[in-house]
C-alpha atoms as a PDB file:
ATOM      1  CA  MET A   1     -28.623 -12.556 -11.549  1.00  0.00           C
ATOM      2  CA  SER A   2     -29.593 -12.683  -7.904  1.00  0.00           C
ATOM      3  CA  LYS A   3     -27.469 -11.318  -5.069  1.00  0.00           C
ATOM      4  CA  GLN A   4     -27.176 -14.827  -3.651  1.00  0.00           C
ATOM      5  CA  VAL A   5     -25.632 -16.177  -6.863  1.00  0.00           C
ATOM      6  CA  ASP A   6     -23.251 -13.195  -7.063  1.00  0.00           C
ATOM      7  CA  TRP A   7     -22.252 -13.709  -3.428  1.00  0.00           C
ATOM      8  CA  HIS A   8     -21.654 -17.418  -4.009  1.00  0.00           C
ATOM      9  CA  LYS A   9     -19.482 -16.769  -7.081  1.00  0.00           C
ATOM     10  CA  ALA A  10     -17.445 -14.189  -5.167  1.00  0.00           C
ATOM     11  CA  ARG A  11     -16.977 -16.619  -2.273  1.00  0.00           C
ATOM     12  CA  VAL A  12     -15.829 -19.441  -4.574  1.00  0.00           C
ATOM     13  CA  LYS A  13     -13.413 -17.077  -6.321  1.00  0.00           C
ATOM     14  CA  LYS A  14     -11.970 -15.959  -2.972  1.00  0.00           C
ATOM     15  CA  GLN A  15     -11.610 -19.563  -1.757  1.00  0.00           C
ATOM     16  CA  MET A  16      -9.747 -20.529  -4.933  1.00  0.00           C
ATOM     17  CA  LYS A  17      -7.375 -17.575  -4.472  1.00  0.00           C
ATOM     18  CA  THR A  18      -6.815 -18.523  -0.836  1.00  0.00           C
ATOM     19  CA  GLN A  19      -6.044 -22.141  -1.753  1.00  0.00           C
ATOM     20  CA  LYS A  20      -3.531 -20.969  -4.351  1.00  0.00           C
ATOM     21  CA  VAL A  21      -1.776 -18.741  -1.810  1.00  0.00           C
ATOM     22  CA  LEU A  22      -1.748 -21.490   0.831  1.00  0.00           C
ATOM     23  CA  LYS A  23      -0.095 -23.892  -1.625  1.00  0.00           C
ATOM     24  CA  GLN A  24       2.709 -21.367  -2.091  1.00  0.00           C
ATOM     25  CA  MET A  25       3.386 -21.160   1.651  1.00  0.00           C
ATOM     26  CA  SER A  26       5.751 -23.372   3.558  1.00  0.00           C
ATOM     27  CA  VAL A  27       4.410 -26.113   5.812  1.00  0.00           C
ATOM     28  CA  GLU A  28       5.543 -24.060   8.817  1.00  0.00           C
ATOM     29  CA  GLN A  29       3.527 -21.062   7.636  1.00  0.00           C
ATOM     30  CA  ARG A  30       0.390 -23.101   7.007  1.00  0.00           C
ATOM     31  CA  GLU A  31       0.693 -24.767  10.414  1.00  0.00           C
ATOM     32  CA  ALA A  32       1.156 -21.379  12.106  1.00  0.00           C
ATOM     33  CA  ILE A  33      -2.001 -20.058  10.474  1.00  0.00           C
ATOM     34  CA  GLU A  34      -3.939 -23.164  11.479  1.00  0.00           C
ATOM     35  CA  GLU A  35      -2.635 -22.928  15.047  1.00  0.00           C
ATOM     36  CA  ILE A  36      -3.583 -19.263  15.481  1.00  0.00           C
ATOM     37  CA  GLN A  37      -7.032 -19.868  14.006  1.00  0.00           C
ATOM     38  CA  LYS A  38      -7.604 -22.744  16.441  1.00  0.00           C
ATOM     39  CA  SER A  39      -6.317 -20.779  19.441  1.00  0.00           C
ATOM     40  CA  VAL A  40      -8.421 -17.722  18.663  1.00  0.00           C
ATOM     41  CA  ALA A  41     -11.520 -19.873  18.129  1.00  0.00           C
ATOM     42  CA  GLN A  42     -10.991 -21.618  21.486  1.00  0.00           C
ATOM     43  CA  CYS A  43     -10.511 -18.307  23.271  1.00  0.00           C
ATOM     44  CA  ILE A  44     -13.628 -16.821  21.723  1.00  0.00           C
ATOM     45  CA  GLU A  45     -15.679 -19.881  22.712  1.00  0.00           C
ATOM     46  CA  MET A  46     -14.371 -19.694  26.286  1.00  0.00           C
ATOM     47  CA  ILE A  47     -15.207 -16.005  26.512  1.00  0.00           C
ATOM     48  CA  LYS A  48     -18.701 -16.600  25.125  1.00  0.00           C
ATOM     49  CA  ASP A  49     -19.359 -19.590  27.403  1.00  0.00           C
ATOM     50  CA  CYS A  50     -17.884 -18.280  30.638  1.00  0.00           C
ATOM     51  CA  ASN A  51     -17.353 -14.561  30.133  1.00  0.00           C
ATOM     52  CA  ASP A  52     -13.817 -15.375  31.203  1.00  0.00           C
ATOM     53  CA  LEU A  53     -10.581 -16.740  29.811  1.00  0.00           C
ATOM     54  CA  TYR A  54      -8.322 -19.330  31.442  1.00  0.00           C
ATOM     55  CA  MET A  55      -4.644 -18.540  31.743  1.00  0.00           C
ATOM     56  CA  SER A  56      -3.920 -21.738  29.796  1.00  0.00           C
ATOM     57  CA  ASP A  57      -5.898 -20.275  26.880  1.00  0.00           C
ATOM     58  CA  VAL A  58      -3.903 -17.060  27.104  1.00  0.00           C
ATOM     59  CA  ALA A  59      -0.702 -19.127  27.005  1.00  0.00           C
ATOM     60  CA  LYS A  60      -1.910 -21.025  23.911  1.00  0.00           C
ATOM     61  CA  LEU A  61      -2.838 -17.761  22.243  1.00  0.00           C
ATOM     62  CA  GLU A  62       0.561 -16.257  23.022  1.00  0.00           C
ATOM     63  CA  SER A  63       2.368 -19.357  21.766  1.00  0.00           C
ATOM     64  CA  SER A  64       0.341 -19.297  18.554  1.00  0.00           C
ATOM     65  CA  TRP A  65       1.124 -15.626  18.074  1.00  0.00           C
ATOM     66  CA  HIS A  66       4.855 -16.288  18.376  1.00  0.00           C
ATOM     67  CA  SER A  67       4.622 -19.237  15.965  1.00  0.00           C
ATOM     68  CA  LEU A  68       2.877 -17.023  13.444  1.00  0.00           C
ATOM     69  CA  ARG A  69       5.443 -14.249  13.776  1.00  0.00           C
ATOM     70  CA  TRP A  70       8.300 -16.738  13.491  1.00  0.00           C
ATOM     71  CA  ALA A  71       6.822 -18.466  10.423  1.00  0.00           C
ATOM     72  CA  PHE A  72       6.403 -15.224   8.509  1.00  0.00           C
ATOM     73  CA  GLU A  73       9.431 -13.329   9.880  1.00  0.00           C
ATOM     74  CA  VAL A  74       7.905  -9.900   9.425  1.00  0.00           C
ATOM     75  CA  ASP A  75       9.605  -8.218  12.374  1.00  0.00           C
ATOM     76  CA  ASP A  76      12.135  -5.443  11.801  1.00  0.00           C
ATOM     77  CA  ILE A  77      15.734  -6.589  11.740  1.00  0.00           C
END
């Protein structure tokens, strides 16, 4: 079997696992993950395009970070 086929099978297996885990999460958790992914992607694009980052992007990133922390409540009590 070729490396490409092995890689594809591994990717499909990982995606199926990820979908299963996401289904077990609350809506708030899934939304927090989506929000942080979007914020990070926007920040990376801004940095690549302008070699700079707007303060509004930093604020979105910080807000997303807090949403993620709140959704998963992993902080020490």
